[in-house]
Amino acid sequence: MSEIEMVVAMIRPEKLGAVKQALAEVGAPSLTVTNISGRGSQPAEKGQWRGEEYTVDLHQKVKVECVVADIPAGDVVDAISDAASTGEKGDGKIFVLPVSDAIQIRTGKRGPEAV
């Protein structure tokens, strides 16, 4: 298993604040947040605009990426899972990926030191 891991989570946008707080509590050093759209088990929503009916099957989500070396990825996964859960369809997914190397551009540090 790699000593550097990336935890990637797709969550509901309204849960971002709780996830950020939970990650700070477990000591996750940094994170990257991206607005995304996706489709999974969450049902499509129907709407009407100017008399025309439309279907929204791509739901707005937030992608949170966190690379860790000195804290266990399992702690990060548990923090995200607990903070993002509503118990309903559409809560999202979490993936854990090994990272083969990391380079800090400013200092040139490599590996876990760069994280």
PDB file of N, CA and C in Angstrom:
ATOM      1  N   MET A   1       0.840  -1.185   0.000  1.00  0.00           N
ATOM      2  CA  MET A   1       0.000   0.000   0.000  1.00  0.00           C
ATOM      3  C   MET A   1       0.888   1.252   0.000  1.00  0.00           C
ATOM      4  N   SER A   2       0.485   2.250  -0.739  1.00  0.00           N
ATOM      5  CA  SER A   2       1.226   3.504  -0.844  1.00  0.00           C
ATOM      6  C   SER A   2       1.156   4.268   0.472  1.00  0.00           C
ATOM      7  N   GLU A   3       2.230   4.998   0.812  1.00  0.00           N
ATOM      8  CA  GLU A   3       2.188   5.797   2.031  1.00  0.00           C
ATOM      9  C   GLU A   3       1.505   7.141   1.802  1.00  0.00           C
ATOM     10  N   ILE A   4       1.266   7.484   0.536  1.00  0.00           N
ATOM     11  CA  ILE A   4       0.496   8.687   0.206  1.00  0.00           C
ATOM     12  C   ILE A   4      -0.796   8.223  -0.463  1.00  0.00           C
ATOM     13  N   GLU A   5      -1.928   8.739   0.014  1.00  0.00           N
ATOM     14  CA  GLU A   5      -3.213   8.356  -0.561  1.00  0.00           C
ATOM     15  C   GLU A   5      -4.063   9.592  -0.817  1.00  0.00           C
ATOM     16  N   MET A   6      -4.896   9.499  -1.845  1.00  0.00           N
ATOM     17  CA  MET A   6      -5.839  10.567  -2.151  1.00  0.00           C
ATOM     18  C   MET A   6      -7.244  10.057  -1.881  1.00  0.00           C
ATOM     19  N   VAL A   7      -7.978  10.821  -1.088  1.00  0.00           N
ATOM     20  CA  VAL A   7      -9.380  10.526  -0.819  1.00  0.00           C
ATOM     21  C   VAL A   7     -10.195  11.488  -1.669  1.00  0.00           C
ATOM     22  N   VAL A   8     -11.061  10.928  -2.521  1.00  0.00           N
ATOM     23  CA  VAL A   8     -11.910  11.729  -3.408  1.00  0.00           C
ATOM     24  C   VAL A   8     -13.357  11.446  -3.029  1.00  0.00           C
ATOM     25  N   ALA A   9     -14.111  12.495  -2.736  1.00  0.00           N
ATOM     26  CA  ALA A   9     -15.507  12.337  -2.345  1.00  0.00           C
ATOM     27  C   ALA A   9     -16.386  13.240  -3.186  1.00  0.00           C
ATOM     28  N   MET A  10     -17.500  12.713  -3.661  1.00  0.00           N
ATOM     29  CA  MET A  10     -18.528  13.484  -4.339  1.00  0.00           C
ATOM     30  C   MET A  10     -19.692  13.586  -3.359  1.00  0.00           C
ATOM     31  N   ILE A  11     -20.013  14.816  -2.926  1.00  0.00           N
ATOM     32  CA  ILE A  11     -21.009  15.012  -1.875  1.00  0.00           C
ATOM     33  C   ILE A  11     -22.035  16.067  -2.284  1.00  0.00           C
ATOM     34  N   ARG A  12     -23.087  16.182  -1.488  1.00  0.00           N
ATOM     35  CA  ARG A  12     -24.086  17.227  -1.693  1.00  0.00           C
ATOM     36  C   ARG A  12     -23.458  18.588  -1.367  1.00  0.00           C
ATOM     37  N   PRO A  13     -23.743  19.616  -2.154  1.00  0.00           N
ATOM     38  CA  PRO A  13     -23.142  20.939  -1.900  1.00  0.00           C
ATOM     39  C   PRO A  13     -23.442  21.489  -0.506  1.00  0.00           C
ATOM     40  N   GLU A  14     -24.628  21.235   0.007  1.00  0.00           N
ATOM     41  CA  GLU A  14     -25.003  21.788   1.307  1.00  0.00           C
ATOM     42  C   GLU A  14     -24.239  21.130   2.463  1.00  0.00           C
ATOM     43  N   LYS A  15     -23.542  20.032   2.208  1.00  0.00           N
ATOM     44  CA  LYS A  15     -22.772  19.339   3.238  1.00  0.00           C
ATOM     45  C   LYS A  15     -21.298  19.747   3.262  1.00  0.00           C
ATOM     46  N   LEU A  16     -20.888  20.652   2.367  1.00  0.00           N
ATOM     47  CA  LEU A  16     -19.483  21.029   2.273  1.00  0.00           C
ATOM     48  C   LEU A  16     -18.961  21.638   3.577  1.00  0.00           C
ATOM     49  N   GLY A  17     -19.703  22.518   4.193  1.00  0.00           N
ATOM     50  CA  GLY A  17     -19.257  23.145   5.445  1.00  0.00           C
ATOM     51  C   GLY A  17     -18.996  22.121   6.531  1.00  0.00           C
ATOM     52  N   ALA A  18     -19.899  21.163   6.681  1.00  0.00           N
ATOM     53  CA  ALA A  18     -19.739  20.116   7.701  1.00  0.00           C
ATOM     54  C   ALA A  18     -18.538  19.238   7.398  1.00  0.00           C
ATOM     55  N   VAL A  19     -18.310  18.936   6.113  1.00  0.00           N
ATOM     56  CA  VAL A  19     -17.168  18.105   5.718  1.00  0.00           C
ATOM     57  C   VAL A  19     -15.856  18.844   5.984  1.00  0.00           C
ATOM     58  N   LYS A  20     -15.802  20.131   5.643  1.00  0.00           N
ATOM     59  CA  LYS A  20     -14.589  20.923   5.904  1.00  0.00           C
ATOM     60  C   LYS A  20     -14.268  20.941   7.394  1.00  0.00           C
ATOM     61  N   GLN A  21     -15.272  21.116   8.224  1.00  0.00           N
ATOM     62  CA  GLN A  21     -15.067  21.137   9.661  1.00  0.00           C
ATOM     63  C   GLN A  21     -14.589  19.772  10.164  1.00  0.00           C
ATOM     64  N   ALA A  22     -15.191  18.703   9.667  1.00  0.00           N
ATOM     65  CA  ALA A  22     -14.802  17.348  10.082  1.00  0.00           C
ATOM     66  C   ALA A  22     -13.368  17.037   9.673  1.00  0.00           C
ATOM     67  N   LEU A  23     -12.968  17.476   8.469  1.00  0.00           N
ATOM     68  CA  LEU A  23     -11.596  17.251   8.018  1.00  0.00           C
ATOM     69  C   LEU A  23     -10.602  18.039   8.878  1.00  0.00           C
ATOM     70  N   ALA A  24     -10.954  19.242   9.271  1.00  0.00           N
ATOM     71  CA  ALA A  24     -10.080  20.032  10.138  1.00  0.00           C
ATOM     72  C   ALA A  24      -9.912  19.349  11.494  1.00  0.00           C
ATOM     73  N   GLU A  25     -10.979  18.740  11.992  1.00  0.00           N
ATOM     74  CA  GLU A  25     -10.925  18.067  13.291  1.00  0.00           C
ATOM     75  C   GLU A  25     -10.023  16.840  13.286  1.00  0.00           C
ATOM     76  N   VAL A  26      -9.924  16.121  12.138  1.00  0.00           N
ATOM     77  CA  VAL A  26      -9.034  14.950  12.071  1.00  0.00           C
ATOM     78  C   VAL A  26      -7.628  15.330  11.634  1.00  0.00           C
ATOM     79  N   GLY A  27      -7.402  16.610  11.338  1.00  0.00           N
ATOM     80  CA  GLY A  27      -6.062  17.071  10.991  1.00  0.00           C
ATOM     81  C   GLY A  27      -5.689  16.903   9.540  1.00  0.00           C
ATOM     82  N   ALA A  28      -6.674  16.822   8.653  1.00  0.00           N
ATOM     83  CA  ALA A  28      -6.377  16.730   7.217  1.00  0.00           C
ATOM     84  C   ALA A  28      -5.720  18.045   6.783  1.00  0.00           C
ATOM     85  N   PRO A  29      -4.545  17.973   6.158  1.00  0.00           N
ATOM     86  CA  PRO A  29      -3.764  19.176   5.906  1.00  0.00           C
ATOM     87  C   PRO A  29      -4.340  20.132   4.869  1.00  0.00           C
ATOM     88  N   SER A  30      -4.924  19.613   3.831  1.00  0.00           N
ATOM     89  CA  SER A  30      -5.427  20.485   2.776  1.00  0.00           C
ATOM     90  C   SER A  30      -6.483  19.756   1.969  1.00  0.00           C
ATOM     91  N   LEU A  31      -7.224  20.519   1.182  1.00  0.00           N
ATOM     92  CA  LEU A  31      -8.222  19.904   0.317  1.00  0.00           C
ATOM     93  C   LEU A  31      -8.448  20.771  -0.904  1.00  0.00           C
ATOM     94  N   THR A  32      -8.987  20.147  -1.918  1.00  0.00           N
ATOM     95  CA  THR A  32      -9.363  20.837  -3.144  1.00  0.00           C
ATOM     96  C   THR A  32     -10.847  20.585  -3.359  1.00  0.00           C
ATOM     97  N   VAL A  33     -11.585  21.631  -3.716  1.00  0.00           N
ATOM     98  CA  VAL A  33     -13.028  21.519  -3.912  1.00  0.00           C
ATOM     99  C   VAL A  33     -13.377  21.964  -5.328  1.00  0.00           C
ATOM    100  N   THR A  34     -14.187  21.157  -6.023  1.00  0.00           N
ATOM    101  CA  THR A  34     -14.612  21.454  -7.381  1.00  0.00           C
ATOM    102  C   THR A  34     -16.117  21.249  -7.490  1.00  0.00           C
ATOM    103  N   ASN A  35     -16.822  22.155  -8.165  1.00  0.00           N
ATOM    104  CA  ASN A  35     -18.247  21.967  -8.440  1.00  0.00           C
ATOM    105  C   ASN A  35     -18.385  21.041  -9.632  1.00  0.00           C
ATOM    106  N   ILE A  36     -19.216  20.007  -9.483  1.00  0.00           N
ATOM    107  CA  ILE A  36     -19.420  19.022 -10.549  1.00  0.00           C
ATOM    108  C   ILE A  36     -20.905  18.707 -10.690  1.00  0.00           C
ATOM    109  N   SER A  37     -21.253  17.998 -11.752  1.00  0.00           N
ATOM    110  CA  SER A  37     -22.597  17.464 -11.943  1.00  0.00           C
ATOM    111  C   SER A  37     -22.466  15.967 -12.129  1.00  0.00           C
ATOM    112  N   GLY A  38     -23.447  15.222 -11.647  1.00  0.00           N
ATOM    113  CA  GLY A  38     -23.354  13.775 -11.783  1.00  0.00           C
ATOM    114  C   GLY A  38     -24.708  13.111 -11.707  1.00  0.00           C
ATOM    115  N   ARG A  39     -24.692  11.838 -12.060  1.00  0.00           N
ATOM    116  CA  ARG A  39     -25.920  11.046 -12.051  1.00  0.00           C
ATOM    117  C   ARG A  39     -25.620   9.713 -11.398  1.00  0.00           C
ATOM    118  N   GLY A  40     -26.465   9.310 -10.480  1.00  0.00           N
ATOM    119  CA  GLY A  40     -26.297   8.033  -9.792  1.00  0.00           C
ATOM    120  C   GLY A  40     -27.660   7.481  -9.434  1.00  0.00           C
ATOM    121  N   SER A  41     -27.799   7.070  -8.175  1.00  0.00           N
ATOM    122  CA  SER A  41     -29.065   6.471  -7.757  1.00  0.00           C
ATOM    123  C   SER A  41     -30.113   7.509  -7.355  1.00  0.00           C
ATOM    124  N   GLN A  42     -29.720   8.782  -7.266  1.00  0.00           N
ATOM    125  CA  GLN A  42     -30.666   9.844  -6.921  1.00  0.00           C
ATOM    126  C   GLN A  42     -31.657  10.020  -8.071  1.00  0.00           C
ATOM    127  N   PRO A  43     -32.971  10.030  -7.790  1.00  0.00           N
ATOM    128  CA  PRO A  43     -33.953  10.117  -8.870  1.00  0.00           C
ATOM    129  C   PRO A  43     -33.907  11.456  -9.602  1.00  0.00           C
ATOM    130  N   ALA A  44     -34.294  11.421 -10.870  1.00  0.00           N
ATOM    131  CA  ALA A  44     -34.359  12.645 -11.680  1.00  0.00           C
ATOM    132  C   ALA A  44     -35.493  13.533 -11.177  1.00  0.00           C
ATOM    133  N   GLU A  45     -35.317  14.838 -11.362  1.00  0.00           N
ATOM    134  CA  GLU A  45     -36.347  15.786 -10.955  1.00  0.00           C
ATOM    135  C   GLU A  45     -36.983  16.391 -12.197  1.00  0.00           C
ATOM    136  N   LYS A  46     -38.303  16.534 -12.168  1.00  0.00           N
ATOM    137  CA  LYS A  46     -39.013  17.145 -13.285  1.00  0.00           C
ATOM    138  C   LYS A  46     -39.362  18.581 -12.908  1.00  0.00           C
ATOM    139  N   GLY A  47     -39.306  19.456 -13.899  1.00  0.00           N
ATOM    140  CA  GLY A  47     -39.646  20.847 -13.674  1.00  0.00           C
ATOM    141  C   GLY A  47     -40.360  21.406 -14.881  1.00  0.00           C
ATOM    142  N   GLN A  48     -40.814  22.625 -14.751  1.00  0.00           N
ATOM    143  CA  GLN A  48     -41.501  23.272 -15.861  1.00  0.00           C
ATOM    144  C   GLN A  48     -40.998  24.706 -15.959  1.00  0.00           C
ATOM    145  N   TRP A  49     -40.707  25.124 -17.188  1.00  0.00           N
ATOM    146  CA  TRP A  49     -40.221  26.479 -17.425  1.00  0.00           C
ATOM    147  C   TRP A  49     -40.848  26.989 -18.710  1.00  0.00           C
ATOM    148  N   ARG A  50     -41.547  28.124 -18.629  1.00  0.00           N
ATOM    149  CA  ARG A  50     -42.246  28.723 -19.772  1.00  0.00           C
ATOM    150  C   ARG A  50     -43.155  27.722 -20.490  1.00  0.00           C
ATOM    151  N   GLY A  51     -43.845  26.942 -19.698  1.00  0.00           N
ATOM    152  CA  GLY A  51     -44.806  26.001 -20.256  1.00  0.00           C
ATOM    153  C   GLY A  51     -44.213  24.701 -20.763  1.00  0.00           C
ATOM    154  N   GLU A  52     -42.898  24.591 -20.797  1.00  0.00           N
ATOM    155  CA  GLU A  52     -42.233  23.367 -21.261  1.00  0.00           C
ATOM    156  C   GLU A  52     -41.766  22.551 -20.054  1.00  0.00           C
ATOM    157  N   GLU A  53     -41.998  21.246 -20.121  1.00  0.00           N
ATOM    158  CA  GLU A  53     -41.539  20.367 -19.059  1.00  0.00           C
ATOM    159  C   GLU A  53     -40.122  19.911 -19.362  1.00  0.00           C
ATOM    160  N   TYR A  54     -39.283  19.829 -18.336  1.00  0.00           N
ATOM    161  CA  TYR A  54     -37.911  19.351 -18.523  1.00  0.00           C
ATOM    162  C   TYR A  54     -37.540  18.420 -17.374  1.00  0.00           C
ATOM    163  N   THR A  55     -36.515  17.610 -17.594  1.00  0.00           N
ATOM    164  CA  THR A  55     -36.038  16.655 -16.607  1.00  0.00           C
ATOM    165  C   THR A  55     -34.586  16.975 -16.266  1.00  0.00           C
ATOM    166  N   VAL A  56     -34.305  17.042 -14.981  1.00  0.00           N
ATOM    167  CA  VAL A  56     -32.938  17.254 -14.510  1.00  0.00           C
ATOM    168  C   VAL A  56     -32.441  15.915 -13.968  1.00  0.00           C
ATOM    169  N   ASP A  57     -31.530  15.277 -14.705  1.00  0.00           N
ATOM    170  CA  ASP A  57     -30.987  14.012 -14.217  1.00  0.00           C
ATOM    171  C   ASP A  57     -29.505  14.106 -13.869  1.00  0.00           C
ATOM    172  N   LEU A  58     -28.901  15.265 -14.096  1.00  0.00           N
ATOM    173  CA  LEU A  58     -27.543  15.520 -13.629  1.00  0.00           C
ATOM    174  C   LEU A  58     -27.646  16.475 -12.436  1.00  0.00           C
ATOM    175  N   HIS A  59     -27.334  15.969 -11.255  1.00  0.00           N
ATOM    176  CA  HIS A  59     -27.484  16.733 -10.027  1.00  0.00           C
ATOM    177  C   HIS A  59     -26.177  17.439  -9.679  1.00  0.00           C
ATOM    178  N   GLN A  60     -26.298  18.619  -9.087  1.00  0.00           N
ATOM    179  CA  GLN A  60     -25.124  19.377  -8.664  1.00  0.00           C
ATOM    180  C   GLN A  60     -24.488  18.694  -7.455  1.00  0.00           C
ATOM    181  N   LYS A  61     -23.185  18.487  -7.520  1.00  0.00           N
ATOM    182  CA  LYS A  61     -22.421  17.883  -6.433  1.00  0.00           C
ATOM    183  C   LYS A  61     -21.153  18.697  -6.231  1.00  0.00           C
ATOM    184  N   VAL A  62     -20.438  18.384  -5.176  1.00  0.00           N
ATOM    185  CA  VAL A  62     -19.145  18.989  -4.891  1.00  0.00           C
ATOM    186  C   VAL A  62     -18.146  17.855  -4.775  1.00  0.00           C
ATOM    187  N   LYS A  63     -17.029  17.993  -5.477  1.00  0.00           N
ATOM    188  CA  LYS A  63     -15.959  16.997  -5.414  1.00  0.00           C
ATOM    189  C   LYS A  63     -14.888  17.513  -4.458  1.00  0.00           C
ATOM    190  N   VAL A  64     -14.604  16.746  -3.418  1.00  0.00           N
ATOM    191  CA  VAL A  64     -13.597  17.105  -2.425  1.00  0.00           C
ATOM    192  C   VAL A  64     -12.440  16.127  -2.561  1.00  0.00           C
ATOM    193  N   GLU A  65     -11.226  16.654  -2.765  1.00  0.00           N
ATOM    194  CA  GLU A  65     -10.035  15.819  -2.874  1.00  0.00           C
ATOM    195  C   GLU A  65      -9.088  16.171  -1.739  1.00  0.00           C
ATOM    196  N   CYS A  66      -8.575  15.161  -1.063  1.00  0.00           N
ATOM    197  CA  CYS A  66      -7.685  15.366   0.069  1.00  0.00           C
ATOM    198  C   CYS A  66      -6.561  14.341  -0.028  1.00  0.00           C
ATOM    199  N   VAL A  67      -5.316  14.811  -0.119  1.00  0.00           N
ATOM    200  CA  VAL A  67      -4.160  13.920  -0.186  1.00  0.00           C
ATOM    201  C   VAL A  67      -3.530  13.870   1.198  1.00  0.00           C
ATOM    202  N   VAL A  68      -3.332  12.662   1.724  1.00  0.00           N
ATOM    203  CA  VAL A  68      -2.790  12.503   3.074  1.00  0.00           C
ATOM    204  C   VAL A  68      -1.586  11.572   3.074  1.00  0.00           C
ATOM    205  N   ALA A  69      -0.658  11.849   4.001  1.00  0.00           N
ATOM    206  CA  ALA A  69       0.509  10.996   4.175  1.00  0.00           C
ATOM    207  C   ALA A  69       0.709  10.665   5.651  1.00  0.00           C
ATOM    208  N   ASP A  70       0.524  11.638   6.543  1.00  0.00           N
ATOM    209  CA  ASP A  70       0.807  11.395   7.956  1.00  0.00           C
ATOM    210  C   ASP A  70      -0.415  10.997   8.772  1.00  0.00           C
ATOM    211  N   ILE A  71      -1.606  11.119   8.236  1.00  0.00           N
ATOM    212  CA  ILE A  71      -2.794  10.638   8.943  1.00  0.00           C
ATOM    213  C   ILE A  71      -3.440   9.539   8.107  1.00  0.00           C
ATOM    214  N   PRO A  72      -4.049   8.558   8.747  1.00  0.00           N
ATOM    215  CA  PRO A  72      -4.646   7.443   8.002  1.00  0.00           C
ATOM    216  C   PRO A  72      -5.798   7.903   7.094  1.00  0.00           C
ATOM    217  N   ALA A  73      -5.812   7.391   5.878  1.00  0.00           N
ATOM    218  CA  ALA A  73      -6.889   7.716   4.941  1.00  0.00           C
ATOM    219  C   ALA A  73      -8.240   7.260   5.501  1.00  0.00           C
ATOM    220  N   GLY A  74      -8.231   6.199   6.296  1.00  0.00           N
ATOM    221  CA  GLY A  74      -9.472   5.710   6.900  1.00  0.00           C
ATOM    222  C   GLY A  74     -10.113   6.740   7.805  1.00  0.00           C
ATOM    223  N   ASP A  75      -9.292   7.527   8.519  1.00  0.00           N
ATOM    224  CA  ASP A  75      -9.831   8.581   9.382  1.00  0.00           C
ATOM    225  C   ASP A  75     -10.497   9.673   8.553  1.00  0.00           C
ATOM    226  N   VAL A  76      -9.885   9.987   7.407  1.00  0.00           N
ATOM    227  CA  VAL A  76     -10.447  10.997   6.499  1.00  0.00           C
ATOM    228  C   VAL A  76     -11.764  10.487   5.916  1.00  0.00           C
ATOM    229  N   VAL A  77     -11.785   9.226   5.505  1.00  0.00           N
ATOM    230  CA  VAL A  77     -13.007   8.624   4.952  1.00  0.00           C
ATOM    231  C   VAL A  77     -14.125   8.649   5.986  1.00  0.00           C
ATOM    232  N   ASP A  78     -13.817   8.252   7.220  1.00  0.00           N
ATOM    233  CA  ASP A  78     -14.839   8.247   8.278  1.00  0.00           C
ATOM    234  C   ASP A  78     -15.368   9.650   8.546  1.00  0.00           C
ATOM    235  N   ALA A  79     -14.470  10.642   8.567  1.00  0.00           N
ATOM    236  CA  ALA A  79     -14.886  12.031   8.826  1.00  0.00           C
ATOM    237  C   ALA A  79     -15.819  12.525   7.725  1.00  0.00           C
ATOM    238  N   ILE A  80     -15.459  12.265   6.463  1.00  0.00           N
ATOM    239  CA  ILE A  80     -16.299  12.699   5.344  1.00  0.00           C
ATOM    240  C   ILE A  80     -17.640  11.980   5.373  1.00  0.00           C
ATOM    241  N   SER A  81     -17.592  10.669   5.573  1.00  0.00           N
ATOM    242  CA  SER A  81     -18.815   9.866   5.563  1.00  0.00           C
ATOM    243  C   SER A  81     -19.787  10.318   6.645  1.00  0.00           C
ATOM    244  N   ASP A  82     -19.279  10.535   7.852  1.00  0.00           N
ATOM    245  CA  ASP A  82     -20.152  10.957   8.954  1.00  0.00           C
ATOM    246  C   ASP A  82     -20.731  12.346   8.700  1.00  0.00           C
ATOM    247  N   ALA A  83     -19.908  13.269   8.184  1.00  0.00           N
ATOM    248  CA  ALA A  83     -20.356  14.648   7.987  1.00  0.00           C
ATOM    249  C   ALA A  83     -21.290  14.801   6.790  1.00  0.00           C
ATOM    250  N   ALA A  84     -21.134  13.972   5.766  1.00  0.00           N
ATOM    251  CA  ALA A  84     -21.900  14.145   4.527  1.00  0.00           C
ATOM    252  C   ALA A  84     -23.188  13.318   4.476  1.00  0.00           C
ATOM    253  N   SER A  85     -23.371  12.422   5.411  1.00  0.00           N
ATOM    254  CA  SER A  85     -24.505  11.505   5.351  1.00  0.00           C
ATOM    255  C   SER A  85     -25.823  12.164   5.746  1.00  0.00           C
ATOM    256  N   THR A  86     -26.842  11.935   4.911  1.00  0.00           N
ATOM    257  CA  THR A  86     -28.208  12.326   5.258  1.00  0.00           C
ATOM    258  C   THR A  86     -29.091  11.086   5.370  1.00  0.00           C
ATOM    259  N   GLY A  87     -28.571   9.948   4.896  1.00  0.00           N
ATOM    260  CA  GLY A  87     -29.337   8.715   4.911  1.00  0.00           C
ATOM    261  C   GLY A  87     -30.250   8.566   3.706  1.00  0.00           C
ATOM    262  N   GLU A  88     -30.160   9.488   2.752  1.00  0.00           N
ATOM    263  CA  GLU A  88     -31.009   9.445   1.561  1.00  0.00           C
ATOM    264  C   GLU A  88     -30.181   9.164   0.317  1.00  0.00           C
ATOM    265  N   LYS A  89     -30.860   8.774  -0.758  1.00  0.00           N
ATOM    266  CA  LYS A  89     -30.176   8.593  -2.030  1.00  0.00           C
ATOM    267  C   LYS A  89     -29.560   9.908  -2.466  1.00  0.00           C
ATOM    268  N   GLY A  90     -28.376   9.836  -3.070  1.00  0.00           N
ATOM    269  CA  GLY A  90     -27.728  11.042  -3.548  1.00  0.00           C
ATOM    270  C   GLY A  90     -26.713  11.626  -2.580  1.00  0.00           C
ATOM    271  N   ASP A  91     -26.413  10.910  -1.488  1.00  0.00           N
ATOM    272  CA  ASP A  91     -25.416  11.398  -0.532  1.00  0.00           C
ATOM    273  C   ASP A  91     -24.015  11.439  -1.137  1.00  0.00           C
ATOM    274  N   GLY A  92     -23.736  10.578  -2.102  1.00  0.00           N
ATOM    275  CA  GLY A  92     -22.454  10.627  -2.787  1.00  0.00           C
ATOM    276  C   GLY A  92     -21.623   9.371  -2.627  1.00  0.00           C
ATOM    277  N   LYS A  93     -20.354   9.485  -3.031  1.00  0.00           N
ATOM    278  CA  LYS A  93     -19.421   8.359  -3.003  1.00  0.00           C
ATOM    279  C   LYS A  93     -18.070   8.864  -2.519  1.00  0.00           C
ATOM    280  N   ILE A  94     -17.271   7.931  -1.976  1.00  0.00           N
ATOM    281  CA  ILE A  94     -15.900   8.228  -1.562  1.00  0.00           C
ATOM    282  C   ILE A  94     -14.991   7.169  -2.183  1.00  0.00           C
ATOM    283  N   PHE A  95     -13.881   7.626  -2.754  1.00  0.00           N
ATOM    284  CA  PHE A  95     -12.885   6.729  -3.333  1.00  0.00           C
ATOM    285  C   PHE A  95     -11.535   7.001  -2.686  1.00  0.00           C
ATOM    286  N   VAL A  96     -10.749   5.961  -2.465  1.00  0.00           N
ATOM    287  CA  VAL A  96      -9.399   6.103  -1.926  1.00  0.00           C
ATOM    288  C   VAL A  96      -8.432   5.556  -2.972  1.00  0.00           C
ATOM    289  N   LEU A  97      -7.473   6.407  -3.392  1.00  0.00           N
ATOM    290  CA  LEU A  97      -6.532   6.052  -4.451  1.00  0.00           C
ATOM    291  C   LEU A  97      -5.104   6.157  -3.949  1.00  0.00           C
ATOM    292  N   PRO A  98      -4.231   5.223  -4.337  1.00  0.00           N
ATOM    293  CA  PRO A  98      -2.818   5.378  -3.986  1.00  0.00           C
ATOM    294  C   PRO A  98      -2.187   6.471  -4.847  1.00  0.00           C
ATOM    295  N   VAL A  99      -1.263   7.212  -4.269  1.00  0.00           N
ATOM    296  CA  VAL A  99      -0.531   8.255  -4.986  1.00  0.00           C
ATOM    297  C   VAL A  99       0.920   7.792  -5.069  1.00  0.00           C
ATOM    298  N   SER A 100       1.449   7.653  -6.282  1.00  0.00           N
ATOM    299  CA  SER A 100       2.807   7.131  -6.436  1.00  0.00           C
ATOM    300  C   SER A 100       3.876   8.138  -6.036  1.00  0.00           C
ATOM    301  N   ASP A 101       3.627   9.424  -6.200  1.00  0.00           N
ATOM    302  CA  ASP A 101       4.607  10.436  -5.813  1.00  0.00           C
ATOM    303  C   ASP A 101       3.921  11.786  -5.702  1.00  0.00           C
ATOM    304  N   ALA A 102       4.544  12.683  -4.949  1.00  0.00           N
ATOM    305  CA  ALA A 102       4.057  14.058  -4.821  1.00  0.00           C
ATOM    306  C   ALA A 102       5.277  14.966  -4.830  1.00  0.00           C
ATOM    307  N   ILE A 103       5.172  16.086  -5.512  1.00  0.00           N
ATOM    308  CA  ILE A 103       6.272  17.044  -5.606  1.00  0.00           C
ATOM    309  C   ILE A 103       5.731  18.419  -5.234  1.00  0.00           C
ATOM    310  N   GLN A 104       6.378  19.067  -4.271  1.00  0.00           N
ATOM    311  CA  GLN A 104       6.008  20.440  -3.921  1.00  0.00           C
ATOM    312  C   GLN A 104       6.796  21.358  -4.842  1.00  0.00           C
ATOM    313  N   ILE A 105       6.119  22.123  -5.653  1.00  0.00           N
ATOM    314  CA  ILE A 105       6.754  22.935  -6.693  1.00  0.00           C
ATOM    315  C   ILE A 105       7.716  23.966  -6.104  1.00  0.00           C
ATOM    316  N   ARG A 106       7.294  24.670  -5.073  1.00  0.00           N
ATOM    317  CA  ARG A 106       8.115  25.749  -4.517  1.00  0.00           C
ATOM    318  C   ARG A 106       9.443  25.236  -3.956  1.00  0.00           C
ATOM    319  N   THR A 107       9.407  24.130  -3.180  1.00  0.00           N
ATOM    320  CA  THR A 107      10.625  23.672  -2.497  1.00  0.00           C
ATOM    321  C   THR A 107      11.317  22.514  -3.187  1.00  0.00           C
ATOM    322  N   GLY A 108      10.591  21.807  -4.044  1.00  0.00           N
ATOM    323  CA  GLY A 108      11.152  20.618  -4.686  1.00  0.00           C
ATOM    324  C   GLY A 108      11.086  19.370  -3.837  1.00  0.00           C
ATOM    325  N   LYS A 109      10.455  19.449  -2.658  1.00  0.00           N
ATOM    326  CA  LYS A 109      10.317  18.262  -1.796  1.00  0.00           C
ATOM    327  C   LYS A 109       9.499  17.215  -2.521  1.00  0.00           C
ATOM    328  N   ARG A 110       9.815  15.934  -2.225  1.00  0.00           N
ATOM    329  CA  ARG A 110       9.125  14.832  -2.866  1.00  0.00           C
ATOM    330  C   ARG A 110       8.568  13.885  -1.817  1.00  0.00           C
ATOM    331  N   GLY A 111       7.591  13.088  -2.243  1.00  0.00           N
ATOM    332  CA  GLY A 111       7.025  12.065  -1.376  1.00  0.00           C
ATOM    333  C   GLY A 111       6.195  12.649  -0.250  1.00  0.00           C
ATOM    334  N   PRO A 112       6.129  11.917   0.894  1.00  0.00           N
ATOM    335  CA  PRO A 112       5.301  12.368   2.019  1.00  0.00           C
ATOM    336  C   PRO A 112       5.667  13.763   2.523  1.00  0.00           C
ATOM    337  N   GLU A 113       6.921  14.169   2.401  1.00  0.00           N
ATOM    338  CA  GLU A 113       7.325  15.510   2.841  1.00  0.00           C
ATOM    339  C   GLU A 113       6.624  16.609   2.040  1.00  0.00           C
ATOM    340  N   ALA A 114       6.282  16.318   0.785  1.00  0.00           N
ATOM    341  CA  ALA A 114       5.640  17.302  -0.078  1.00  0.00           C
ATOM    342  C   ALA A 114       4.178  17.499   0.277  1.00  0.00           C
ATOM    343  N   VAL A 115       3.591  16.506   0.908  1.00  0.00           N
ATOM    344  CA  VAL A 115       2.176  16.581   1.250  1.00  0.00           C
ATOM    345  C   VAL A 115       2.019  17.395   2.508  1.00  0.00           C
TER     346      VAL A 115
END
